[in-house]
Amino acid sequence: MAARNTRLMRCTPDDLFAVLSDGWLYPVWVVGAARMRDVDPEWPQEGARIHHSLGMWPVMVHDTTEMVEWDPPRCVRLRPKAGPLGRGIIRFDVRAHGDGIAVTIVEEPVTGLPAALPGLLWRPVLTLRNHECLNRLAFLAEGRREERERGELEARPETPNPAEGAPSPQAESDARESDI
């Protein structure tokens, strides 16, 4: 069973998806991501990747995250791959809630040490981490909404709708295996 968190955000789905579509913002909202190394020009097209590092200097693990599903304004599915730490699947589900949105993040390891351990050990850690990830994501998306409402929005004025892409066969297999 995957780790699951939900947070209400005072913004539109477009505000949230505009943040998620900017791969360079990934280490701002992802707890543990320390720096960006590169973003594929096709991001957020399915199959595109962002390249970042986890940890703290001098111990850094190079990681990639692949877009498995990009379906604004409803869903995003990602597959992070952190070398010897393994791979996982992360899904964001977005739905209207009052004058904002409810965002649910579901995450499950599919390979590596966390996947080999019982959920009782990794689930509480991911739940705490993803609680903070959603808080950071809310600050960015709600800030974007405020800039938009003041007419000061300059970056990413609309959610990208990239050309059709396809995730790698390994990412598709991991997504099926995780069942999220």
C-alpha atoms as a PDB file:
ATOM      1  CA  MET A   1       0.000   0.000   0.000  1.00  0.00           C
ATOM      2  CA  ALA A   2       1.376   3.378  -1.064  1.00  0.00           C
ATOM      3  CA  ALA A   3       2.002   6.467   1.060  1.00  0.00           C
ATOM      4  CA  ARG A   4      -0.827   8.984   0.529  1.00  0.00           C
ATOM      5  CA  ASN A   5      -1.231  12.671   1.447  1.00  0.00           C
ATOM      6  CA  THR A   6      -3.847  15.273   0.490  1.00  0.00           C
ATOM      7  CA  ARG A   7      -3.669  19.052   0.817  1.00  0.00           C
ATOM      8  CA  LEU A   8      -6.095  21.801  -0.056  1.00  0.00           C
ATOM      9  CA  MET A   9      -4.608  24.624  -2.133  1.00  0.00           C
ATOM     10  CA  ARG A  10      -6.036  28.064  -2.856  1.00  0.00           C
ATOM     11  CA  CYS A  11      -5.291  28.084  -6.584  1.00  0.00           C
ATOM     12  CA  THR A  12      -6.518  26.654  -9.860  1.00  0.00           C
ATOM     13  CA  PRO A  13      -5.392  23.387 -11.413  1.00  0.00           C
ATOM     14  CA  ASP A  14      -3.657  25.483 -14.082  1.00  0.00           C
ATOM     15  CA  ASP A  15      -1.573  27.223 -11.389  1.00  0.00           C
ATOM     16  CA  LEU A  16      -0.466  23.862 -10.014  1.00  0.00           C
ATOM     17  CA  PHE A  17       0.229  22.295 -13.420  1.00  0.00           C
ATOM     18  CA  ALA A  18       2.246  25.338 -14.495  1.00  0.00           C
ATOM     19  CA  VAL A  19       4.524  24.764 -11.493  1.00  0.00           C
ATOM     20  CA  LEU A  20       4.753  21.019 -12.173  1.00  0.00           C
ATOM     21  CA  SER A  21       5.563  21.734 -15.823  1.00  0.00           C
ATOM     22  CA  ASP A  22       8.664  23.727 -14.868  1.00  0.00           C
ATOM     23  CA  GLY A  23      11.285  21.052 -14.298  1.00  0.00           C
ATOM     24  CA  TRP A  24      13.777  23.601 -12.975  1.00  0.00           C
ATOM     25  CA  LEU A  25      11.503  24.124  -9.926  1.00  0.00           C
ATOM     26  CA  TYR A  26      11.698  20.455  -8.884  1.00  0.00           C
ATOM     27  CA  PRO A  27      14.288  20.882  -6.076  1.00  0.00           C
ATOM     28  CA  VAL A  28      12.300  23.824  -4.696  1.00  0.00           C
ATOM     29  CA  TRP A  29       9.319  21.640  -3.780  1.00  0.00           C
ATOM     30  CA  VAL A  30      10.769  18.106  -3.563  1.00  0.00           C
ATOM     31  CA  VAL A  31      12.247  17.329  -0.160  1.00  0.00           C
ATOM     32  CA  GLY A  32      15.643  15.712  -0.658  1.00  0.00           C
ATOM     33  CA  ALA A  33      16.295  17.042  -4.165  1.00  0.00           C
ATOM     34  CA  ALA A  34      19.351  19.250  -3.797  1.00  0.00           C
ATOM     35  CA  ARG A  35      20.017  20.618  -7.273  1.00  0.00           C
ATOM     36  CA  MET A  36      18.980  20.433 -10.912  1.00  0.00           C
ATOM     37  CA  ARG A  37      21.477  19.229 -13.500  1.00  0.00           C
ATOM     38  CA  ASP A  38      19.327  19.363 -16.633  1.00  0.00           C
ATOM     39  CA  VAL A  39      15.747  19.336 -17.940  1.00  0.00           C
ATOM     40  CA  ASP A  40      14.918  17.638 -21.244  1.00  0.00           C
ATOM     41  CA  PRO A  41      13.603  20.270 -23.680  1.00  0.00           C
ATOM     42  CA  GLU A  42      10.429  18.181 -24.167  1.00  0.00           C
ATOM     43  CA  TRP A  43       9.483  18.316 -20.450  1.00  0.00           C
ATOM     44  CA  PRO A  44       6.622  17.746 -19.419  1.00  0.00           C
ATOM     45  CA  GLN A  45       5.979  15.474 -22.407  1.00  0.00           C
ATOM     46  CA  GLU A  46       5.502  11.825 -21.451  1.00  0.00           C
ATOM     47  CA  GLY A  47       8.887  10.095 -21.619  1.00  0.00           C
ATOM     48  CA  ALA A  48      10.848  13.325 -20.980  1.00  0.00           C
ATOM     49  CA  ARG A  49      13.183  13.468 -17.980  1.00  0.00           C
ATOM     50  CA  ILE A  50      14.539  15.883 -15.477  1.00  0.00           C
ATOM     51  CA  HIS A  51      17.997  15.276 -14.053  1.00  0.00           C
ATOM     52  CA  HIS A  52      18.678  16.245 -10.452  1.00  0.00           C
ATOM     53  CA  SER A  53      20.731  15.206  -7.447  1.00  0.00           C
ATOM     54  CA  LEU A  54      19.694  14.014  -3.995  1.00  0.00           C
ATOM     55  CA  GLY A  55      21.541  14.440  -0.722  1.00  0.00           C
ATOM     56  CA  MET A  56      23.968  16.997   0.596  1.00  0.00           C
ATOM     57  CA  TRP A  57      27.439  17.855  -0.588  1.00  0.00           C
ATOM     58  CA  PRO A  58      29.785  15.975  -0.605  1.00  0.00           C
ATOM     59  CA  VAL A  59      27.505  12.911  -0.765  1.00  0.00           C
ATOM     60  CA  MET A  60      25.216  13.305  -3.760  1.00  0.00           C
ATOM     61  CA  VAL A  61      23.275  10.701  -5.752  1.00  0.00           C
ATOM     62  CA  HIS A  62      22.409  11.612  -9.327  1.00  0.00           C
ATOM     63  CA  ASP A  63      18.742  10.978 -10.003  1.00  0.00           C
ATOM     64  CA  THR A  64      16.409  11.216 -12.974  1.00  0.00           C
ATOM     65  CA  THR A  65      12.663  11.574 -12.927  1.00  0.00           C
ATOM     66  CA  GLU A  66      10.642  10.555 -15.967  1.00  0.00           C
ATOM     67  CA  MET A  67       7.199  11.833 -16.898  1.00  0.00           C
ATOM     68  CA  VAL A  68       4.946   8.772 -17.160  1.00  0.00           C
ATOM     69  CA  GLU A  69       1.591  10.552 -17.475  1.00  0.00           C
ATOM     70  CA  TRP A  70       0.811  14.237 -18.066  1.00  0.00           C
ATOM     71  CA  ASP A  71      -2.949  14.802 -17.953  1.00  0.00           C
ATOM     72  CA  PRO A  72      -3.772  18.372 -16.863  1.00  0.00           C
ATOM     73  CA  PRO A  73      -5.903  19.345 -15.055  1.00  0.00           C
ATOM     74  CA  ARG A  74      -6.403  15.942 -13.433  1.00  0.00           C
ATOM     75  CA  CYS A  75      -3.274  13.838 -13.025  1.00  0.00           C
ATOM     76  CA  VAL A  76       0.514  13.626 -13.207  1.00  0.00           C
ATOM     77  CA  ARG A  77       2.498  10.428 -12.791  1.00  0.00           C
ATOM     78  CA  LEU A  78       6.283  10.467 -12.336  1.00  0.00           C
ATOM     79  CA  ARG A  79       8.939   7.795 -12.017  1.00  0.00           C
ATOM     80  CA  PRO A  80      11.998   8.846 -10.002  1.00  0.00           C
ATOM     81  CA  LYS A  81      15.125   6.713 -10.323  1.00  0.00           C
ATOM     82  CA  ALA A  82      17.850   7.230  -7.712  1.00  0.00           C
ATOM     83  CA  GLY A  83      20.631   4.836  -8.649  1.00  0.00           C
ATOM     84  CA  PRO A  84      21.178   2.264  -5.902  1.00  0.00           C
ATOM     85  CA  LEU A  85      18.244   3.675  -3.910  1.00  0.00           C
ATOM     86  CA  GLY A  86      15.888   2.288  -6.538  1.00  0.00           C
ATOM     87  CA  ARG A  87      12.858   3.497  -8.454  1.00  0.00           C
ATOM     88  CA  GLY A  88       9.396   4.590  -7.421  1.00  0.00           C
ATOM     89  CA  ILE A  89       6.123   5.857  -8.803  1.00  0.00           C
ATOM     90  CA  ILE A  90       4.531   9.136  -7.713  1.00  0.00           C
ATOM     91  CA  ARG A  91       1.043  10.197  -8.770  1.00  0.00           C
ATOM     92  CA  PHE A  92      -0.677  13.539  -8.219  1.00  0.00           C
ATOM     93  CA  ASP A  93      -4.460  13.612  -8.434  1.00  0.00           C
ATOM     94  CA  VAL A  94      -6.133  17.022  -8.596  1.00  0.00           C
ATOM     95  CA  ARG A  95      -9.807  17.822  -8.112  1.00  0.00           C
ATOM     96  CA  ALA A  96     -11.852  20.959  -7.536  1.00  0.00           C
ATOM     97  CA  HIS A  97     -12.607  21.765  -3.920  1.00  0.00           C
ATOM     98  CA  GLY A  98     -14.498  24.920  -2.987  1.00  0.00           C
ATOM     99  CA  ASP A  99     -12.652  27.917  -4.446  1.00  0.00           C
ATOM    100  CA  GLY A 100      -9.447  25.914  -4.805  1.00  0.00           C
ATOM    101  CA  ILE A 101      -8.233  22.390  -5.375  1.00  0.00           C
ATOM    102  CA  ALA A 102      -7.515  19.232  -3.405  1.00  0.00           C
ATOM    103  CA  VAL A 103      -4.197  17.662  -4.367  1.00  0.00           C
ATOM    104  CA  THR A 104      -3.404  14.074  -3.425  1.00  0.00           C
ATOM    105  CA  ILE A 105       0.088  12.650  -3.777  1.00  0.00           C
ATOM    106  CA  VAL A 106       0.517   8.878  -3.768  1.00  0.00           C
ATOM    107  CA  GLU A 107       4.012   7.355  -3.750  1.00  0.00           C
ATOM    108  CA  GLU A 108       5.333   3.836  -3.718  1.00  0.00           C
ATOM    109  CA  PRO A 109       8.845   2.410  -4.143  1.00  0.00           C
ATOM    110  CA  VAL A 110       9.038  -0.339  -6.761  1.00  0.00           C
ATOM    111  CA  THR A 111      12.727  -1.338  -6.601  1.00  0.00           C
ATOM    112  CA  GLY A 112      15.701  -0.873  -4.280  1.00  0.00           C
ATOM    113  CA  LEU A 113      16.001  -1.040  -0.502  1.00  0.00           C
ATOM    114  CA  PRO A 114      12.697   0.726   0.306  1.00  0.00           C
ATOM    115  CA  ALA A 115      10.738  -1.732  -1.875  1.00  0.00           C
ATOM    116  CA  ALA A 116      12.411  -4.657  -0.107  1.00  0.00           C
ATOM    117  CA  LEU A 117      11.358  -3.360   3.317  1.00  0.00           C
ATOM    118  CA  PRO A 118       7.871  -3.694   4.785  1.00  0.00           C
ATOM    119  CA  GLY A 119       5.610  -0.698   4.185  1.00  0.00           C
ATOM    120  CA  LEU A 120       5.453  -0.247   7.942  1.00  0.00           C
ATOM    121  CA  LEU A 121       9.030   1.081   7.740  1.00  0.00           C
ATOM    122  CA  TRP A 122       9.009   3.262   4.590  1.00  0.00           C
ATOM    123  CA  ARG A 123       5.395   4.510   4.519  1.00  0.00           C
ATOM    124  CA  PRO A 124       5.665   6.862   7.562  1.00  0.00           C
ATOM    125  CA  VAL A 125       8.867   8.413   6.168  1.00  0.00           C
ATOM    126  CA  LEU A 126       7.306   9.020   2.738  1.00  0.00           C
ATOM    127  CA  THR A 127       4.124  10.359   4.346  1.00  0.00           C
ATOM    128  CA  LEU A 128       6.109  12.961   6.335  1.00  0.00           C
ATOM    129  CA  ARG A 129       8.267  13.868   3.348  1.00  0.00           C
ATOM    130  CA  ASN A 130       5.294  14.232   1.006  1.00  0.00           C
ATOM    131  CA  HIS A 131       3.419  16.363   3.554  1.00  0.00           C
ATOM    132  CA  GLU A 132       6.246  18.881   3.285  1.00  0.00           C
ATOM    133  CA  CYS A 133       6.445  18.456  -0.522  1.00  0.00           C
ATOM    134  CA  LEU A 134       2.751  19.407  -0.787  1.00  0.00           C
ATOM    135  CA  ASN A 135       3.300  22.416   1.503  1.00  0.00           C
ATOM    136  CA  ARG A 136       6.141  23.663  -0.713  1.00  0.00           C
ATOM    137  CA  LEU A 137       4.157  22.987  -3.876  1.00  0.00           C
ATOM    138  CA  ALA A 138       1.225  24.942  -2.422  1.00  0.00           C
ATOM    139  CA  PHE A 139       3.449  27.966  -1.711  1.00  0.00           C
ATOM    140  CA  LEU A 140       4.557  27.991  -5.362  1.00  0.00           C
ATOM    141  CA  ALA A 141       1.117  27.387  -6.920  1.00  0.00           C
ATOM    142  CA  GLU A 142      -0.688  29.821  -4.593  1.00  0.00           C
ATOM    143  CA  GLY A 143       2.027  32.422  -5.200  1.00  0.00           C
ATOM    144  CA  ARG A 144       1.518  31.966  -8.923  1.00  0.00           C
ATOM    145  CA  ARG A 145      -2.220  32.520  -8.456  1.00  0.00           C
ATOM    146  CA  GLU A 146      -1.537  35.756  -6.552  1.00  0.00           C
ATOM    147  CA  GLU A 147       0.823  37.011  -9.298  1.00  0.00           C
ATOM    148  CA  ARG A 148      -1.755  36.111 -11.946  1.00  0.00           C
ATOM    149  CA  GLU A 149      -4.537  37.934 -10.099  1.00  0.00           C
ATOM    150  CA  ARG A 150      -2.347  41.059  -9.764  1.00  0.00           C
ATOM    151  CA  GLY A 151      -1.523  40.894 -13.467  1.00  0.00           C
ATOM    152  CA  GLU A 152       2.167  40.340 -12.695  1.00  0.00           C
ATOM    153  CA  LEU A 153       2.521  36.800 -14.032  1.00  0.00           C
ATOM    154  CA  GLU A 154       5.469  36.584 -16.408  1.00  0.00           C
ATOM    155  CA  ALA A 155       6.677  32.983 -16.178  1.00  0.00           C
ATOM    156  CA  ARG A 156       4.668  30.178 -17.768  1.00  0.00           C
ATOM    157  CA  PRO A 157       1.464  32.110 -18.488  1.00  0.00           C
ATOM    158  CA  GLU A 158      -0.331  28.866 -19.333  1.00  0.00           C
ATOM    159  CA  THR A 159       0.095  25.158 -18.760  1.00  0.00           C
ATOM    160  CA  PRO A 160       2.111  23.576 -21.568  1.00  0.00           C
ATOM    161  CA  ASN A 161       0.397  21.022 -23.737  1.00  0.00           C
ATOM    162  CA  PRO A 162       3.362  19.146 -25.181  1.00  0.00           C
ATOM    163  CA  ALA A 163       3.269  16.938 -28.240  1.00  0.00           C
ATOM    164  CA  GLU A 164       2.468  13.279 -27.737  1.00  0.00           C
ATOM    165  CA  GLY A 165       5.201  11.339 -26.074  1.00  0.00           C
ATOM    166  CA  ALA A 166       5.572   7.940 -24.503  1.00  0.00           C
ATOM    167  CA  PRO A 167       7.221   6.840 -21.282  1.00  0.00           C
ATOM    168  CA  SER A 168      10.016   4.317 -21.468  1.00  0.00           C
ATOM    169  CA  PRO A 169       9.019   0.647 -21.298  1.00  0.00           C
ATOM    170  CA  GLN A 170      10.712   0.420 -17.854  1.00  0.00           C
ATOM    171  CA  ALA A 171       8.660   3.375 -16.555  1.00  0.00           C
ATOM    172  CA  GLU A 172       5.442   1.811 -17.875  1.00  0.00           C
ATOM    173  CA  SER A 173       6.375  -1.484 -16.210  1.00  0.00           C
ATOM    174  CA  ASP A 174       7.131   0.276 -12.902  1.00  0.00           C
ATOM    175  CA  ALA A 175       3.796   2.112 -13.067  1.00  0.00           C
ATOM    176  CA  ARG A 176       1.909  -1.151 -13.633  1.00  0.00           C
ATOM    177  CA  GLU A 177       3.865  -2.844 -10.841  1.00  0.00           C
ATOM    178  CA  SER A 178       3.078  -0.062  -8.368  1.00  0.00           C
ATOM    179  CA  ASP A 179      -0.636  -0.066  -9.204  1.00  0.00           C
ATOM    180  CA  ILE A 180      -0.875   3.690  -8.507  1.00  0.00           C
END
